[in-house]
C-alpha atoms as a PDB file:
ATOM      1  CA  MET A   1     -74.425  77.377 -18.658  1.00  0.00           C
ATOM      2  CA  PRO A   2     -73.443  77.177 -14.980  1.00  0.00           C
ATOM      3  CA  ILE A   3     -71.357  74.074 -15.757  1.00  0.00           C
ATOM      4  CA  ARG A   4     -69.257  76.000 -18.257  1.00  0.00           C
ATOM      5  CA  GLY A   5     -68.583  78.749 -15.695  1.00  0.00           C
ATOM      6  CA  THR A   6     -67.605  76.229 -13.051  1.00  0.00           C
ATOM      7  CA  ALA A   7     -65.248  74.440 -15.444  1.00  0.00           C
ATOM      8  CA  MET A   8     -63.634  77.747 -16.414  1.00  0.00           C
ATOM      9  CA  GLN A   9     -63.246  78.711 -12.764  1.00  0.00           C
ATOM     10  CA  ALA A  10     -61.706  75.328 -11.980  1.00  0.00           C
ATOM     11  CA  THR A  11     -59.333  75.639 -14.943  1.00  0.00           C
ATOM     12  CA  ALA A  12     -58.328  79.135 -13.853  1.00  0.00           C
ATOM     13  CA  ALA A  13     -57.712  77.879 -10.319  1.00  0.00           C
ATOM     14  CA  VAL A  14     -55.526  75.023 -11.596  1.00  0.00           C
ATOM     15  CA  ILE A  15     -53.533  77.412 -13.803  1.00  0.00           C
ATOM     16  CA  ALA A  16     -53.024  79.793 -10.881  1.00  0.00           C
ATOM     17  CA  LEU A  17     -51.915  76.916  -8.658  1.00  0.00           C
ATOM     18  CA  VAL A  18     -49.436  75.615 -11.243  1.00  0.00           C
ATOM     19  CA  ALA A  19     -48.048  79.117 -11.801  1.00  0.00           C
ATOM     20  CA  SER A  20     -47.557  79.705  -8.088  1.00  0.00           C
ATOM     21  CA  LEU A  21     -45.869  76.323  -7.623  1.00  0.00           C
ATOM     22  CA  ALA A  22     -43.578  76.993 -10.562  1.00  0.00           C
ATOM     23  CA  ALA A  23     -42.621  80.357  -9.097  1.00  0.00           C
ATOM     24  CA  CYS A  24     -41.839  78.750  -5.734  1.00  0.00           C
ATOM     25  CA  GLY A  25     -39.568  76.170  -7.352  1.00  0.00           C
ATOM     26  CA  ALA A  26     -37.598  78.662  -9.426  1.00  0.00           C
ATOM     27  CA  ASP A  27     -34.028  79.202  -8.258  1.00  0.00           C
ATOM     28  CA  PRO A  28     -33.406  82.949  -8.144  1.00  0.00           C
ATOM     29  CA  GLU A  29     -29.647  82.420  -7.760  1.00  0.00           C
ATOM     30  CA  SER A  30     -29.108  80.102 -10.727  1.00  0.00           C
ATOM     31  CA  PRO A  31     -25.845  80.826 -12.551  1.00  0.00           C
ATOM     32  CA  SER A  32     -25.924  82.644 -15.849  1.00  0.00           C
ATOM     33  CA  PHE A  33     -25.025  80.965 -19.123  1.00  0.00           C
ATOM     34  CA  GLN A  34     -21.593  82.608 -19.067  1.00  0.00           C
ATOM     35  CA  GLU A  35     -20.931  81.367 -15.512  1.00  0.00           C
ATOM     36  CA  LYS A  36     -21.964  77.823 -16.467  1.00  0.00           C
ATOM     37  CA  ARG A  37     -19.751  78.005 -19.550  1.00  0.00           C
ATOM     38  CA  ASP A  38     -16.783  79.239 -17.509  1.00  0.00           C
ATOM     39  CA  GLN A  39     -17.277  76.441 -14.953  1.00  0.00           C
ATOM     40  CA  HIS A  40     -17.454  73.865 -17.749  1.00  0.00           C
ATOM     41  CA  LEU A  41     -14.283  75.161 -19.411  1.00  0.00           C
ATOM     42  CA  ALA A  42     -12.457  75.230 -16.061  1.00  0.00           C
ATOM     43  CA  ALA A  43     -13.449  71.597 -15.423  1.00  0.00           C
ATOM     44  CA  LEU A  44     -12.195  70.587 -18.889  1.00  0.00           C
ATOM     45  CA  LYS A  45      -8.912  72.425 -18.307  1.00  0.00           C
ATOM     46  CA  THR A  46      -8.478  70.680 -14.957  1.00  0.00           C
ATOM     47  CA  ALA A  47      -9.097  67.281 -16.573  1.00  0.00           C
ATOM     48  CA  GLY A  48      -6.576  68.088 -19.309  1.00  0.00           C
ATOM     49  CA  ASP A  49      -4.010  69.208 -16.734  1.00  0.00           C
ATOM     50  CA  GLN A  50      -4.485  65.945 -14.843  1.00  0.00           C
ATOM     51  CA  GLY A  51      -4.062  64.010 -18.091  1.00  0.00           C
ATOM     52  CA  ARG A  52      -0.753  65.744 -18.825  1.00  0.00           C
ATOM     53  CA  LYS A  53       0.477  65.078 -15.282  1.00  0.00           C
ATOM     54  CA  GLU A  54      -0.403  61.381 -15.627  1.00  0.00           C
ATOM     55  CA  ALA A  55       1.348  61.185 -19.009  1.00  0.00           C
ATOM     56  CA  LEU A  56       4.482  62.780 -17.590  1.00  0.00           C
ATOM     57  CA  ALA A  57       4.486  60.336 -14.663  1.00  0.00           C
ATOM     58  CA  ILE A  58       4.078  57.359 -17.022  1.00  0.00           C
ATOM     59  CA  GLN A  59       6.782  58.671 -19.330  1.00  0.00           C
ATOM     60  CA  ARG A  60       9.276  59.253 -16.505  1.00  0.00           C
ATOM     61  CA  ARG A  61       8.637  55.791 -15.062  1.00  0.00           C
ATOM     62  CA  ARG A  62       9.175  54.158 -18.451  1.00  0.00           C
ATOM     63  CA  LEU A  63      12.386  56.085 -19.082  1.00  0.00           C
ATOM     64  CA  ALA A  64      13.636  55.075 -15.624  1.00  0.00           C
ATOM     65  CA  ASP A  65      12.823  51.448 -16.476  1.00  0.00           C
ATOM     66  CA  GLY A  66      15.017  51.687 -19.585  1.00  0.00           C
ATOM     67  CA  ILE A  67      12.272  51.868 -22.198  1.00  0.00           C
ATOM     68  CA  PRO A  68      13.409  53.876 -25.255  1.00  0.00           C
ATOM     69  CA  ALA A  69      12.196  57.470 -25.437  1.00  0.00           C
ATOM     70  CA  SER A  70      10.332  56.747 -28.668  1.00  0.00           C
ATOM     71  CA  ALA A  71       8.055  54.307 -26.795  1.00  0.00           C
ATOM     72  CA  SER A  72       7.757  56.227 -23.535  1.00  0.00           C
ATOM     73  CA  SER A  73       4.514  58.131 -24.122  1.00  0.00           C
ATOM     74  CA  PRO A  74       1.251  56.410 -23.138  1.00  0.00           C
ATOM     75  CA  THR A  75      -1.343  55.258 -25.668  1.00  0.00           C
ATOM     76  CA  ARG A  76      -5.030  56.197 -25.632  1.00  0.00           C
ATOM     77  CA  ASP A  77      -5.874  52.783 -24.178  1.00  0.00           C
ATOM     78  CA  GLU A  78      -3.390  53.239 -21.353  1.00  0.00           C
ATOM     79  CA  CYS A  79      -4.771  56.694 -20.615  1.00  0.00           C
ATOM     80  CA  ASN A  80      -8.328  55.323 -20.614  1.00  0.00           C
ATOM     81  CA  GLN A  81      -7.204  52.661 -18.153  1.00  0.00           C
ATOM     82  CA  ARG A  82      -5.600  55.368 -15.986  1.00  0.00           C
ATOM     83  CA  TRP A  83      -8.874  57.278 -15.904  1.00  0.00           C
ATOM     84  CA  SER A  84     -10.807  54.151 -14.954  1.00  0.00           C
ATOM     85  CA  ALA A  85      -8.236  52.938 -12.425  1.00  0.00           C
ATOM     86  CA  ALA A  86      -8.312  56.278 -10.635  1.00  0.00           C
ATOM     87  CA  SER A  87     -12.114  55.961 -10.411  1.00  0.00           C
ATOM     88  CA  LYS A  88     -12.439  59.461 -11.765  1.00  0.00           C
ATOM     89  CA  GLN A  89     -15.963  60.715 -12.291  1.00  0.00           C
ATOM     90  CA  GLU A  90     -16.818  62.797 -15.313  1.00  0.00           C
ATOM     91  CA  GLU A  91     -18.007  65.937 -13.549  1.00  0.00           C
ATOM     92  CA  THR A  92     -18.726  67.676 -16.824  1.00  0.00           C
ATOM     93  CA  ALA A  93     -19.363  66.445 -20.332  1.00  0.00           C
ATOM     94  CA  GLY A  94     -16.095  65.806 -22.115  1.00  0.00           C
ATOM     95  CA  ALA A  95     -13.855  65.630 -19.036  1.00  0.00           C
ATOM     96  CA  ARG A  96     -12.814  62.052 -19.781  1.00  0.00           C
ATOM     97  CA  ASP A  97     -12.016  62.955 -23.384  1.00  0.00           C
ATOM     98  CA  ALA A  98      -9.978  65.971 -22.249  1.00  0.00           C
ATOM     99  CA  PHE A  99      -8.017  63.779 -19.817  1.00  0.00           C
ATOM    100  CA  VAL A 100      -7.374  60.997 -22.321  1.00  0.00           C
ATOM    101  CA  GLY A 101      -6.576  63.392 -25.161  1.00  0.00           C
ATOM    102  CA  ALA A 102      -4.054  65.347 -23.108  1.00  0.00           C
ATOM    103  CA  CYS A 103      -2.521  62.165 -21.712  1.00  0.00           C
ATOM    104  CA  ALA A 104      -2.189  60.343 -25.037  1.00  0.00           C
ATOM    105  CA  SER A 105      -0.855  63.336 -26.957  1.00  0.00           C
ATOM    106  CA  PHE A 106       2.059  64.037 -24.606  1.00  0.00           C
ATOM    107  CA  PRO A 107       5.146  64.456 -26.817  1.00  0.00           C
ATOM    108  CA  VAL A 108       8.078  62.066 -26.591  1.00  0.00           C
ATOM    109  CA  PRO A 109      11.435  63.407 -25.419  1.00  0.00           C
ATOM    110  CA  GLY A 110      13.430  65.025 -28.178  1.00  0.00           C
ATOM    111  CA  LEU A 111      10.448  66.206 -30.189  1.00  0.00           C
ATOM    112  CA  PRO A 112       9.535  69.880 -30.427  1.00  0.00           C
ATOM    113  CA  GLY A 113       7.185  70.884 -27.642  1.00  0.00           C
ATOM    114  CA  HIS A 114       8.371  68.305 -25.118  1.00  0.00           C
ATOM    115  CA  ALA A 115      10.079  70.816 -22.828  1.00  0.00           C
ATOM    116  CA  ALA A 116       7.031  73.092 -22.879  1.00  0.00           C
ATOM    117  CA  ALA A 117       4.697  70.160 -22.182  1.00  0.00           C
ATOM    118  CA  VAL A 118       6.829  69.061 -19.224  1.00  0.00           C
ATOM    119  CA  ALA A 119       6.878  72.593 -17.809  1.00  0.00           C
ATOM    120  CA  GLU A 120       3.117  72.866 -18.241  1.00  0.00           C
ATOM    121  CA  ALA A 121       2.473  69.489 -16.596  1.00  0.00           C
ATOM    122  CA  GLU A 122       4.734  70.326 -13.666  1.00  0.00           C
ATOM    123  CA  ALA A 123       3.116  73.739 -13.183  1.00  0.00           C
ATOM    124  CA  ALA A 124      -0.473  72.445 -13.299  1.00  0.00           C
ATOM    125  CA  THR A 125      -2.111  71.980  -9.931  1.00  0.00           C
ATOM    126  CA  PRO A 126      -5.056  69.567  -9.784  1.00  0.00           C
END
């Protein structure tokens, strides 16, 4: 019977040690779920804003080069290349998709929503 008591004491000691180590490693200042969510959404918005700014820059350059307005907006492939060429890092899940989606969906001049998209892209600060 003394072996059983010793094994139980050893097990209890190990459990106490693990519990104390876990308590030491816990971060008391970790952000709440809502704070994490807000940070994630802000990062996605920033990536989308950058995508719109890139699309506007591409579109203006193409129009200045004499390319017709109907072909002035960038494609998804071009926006993906822009992301890669800028060596952007995806700081949050979906940031690349937000950038590429906003970039590739920029309306061509003359279509409804173009003026609002230009104003939004010009107002966005990265």
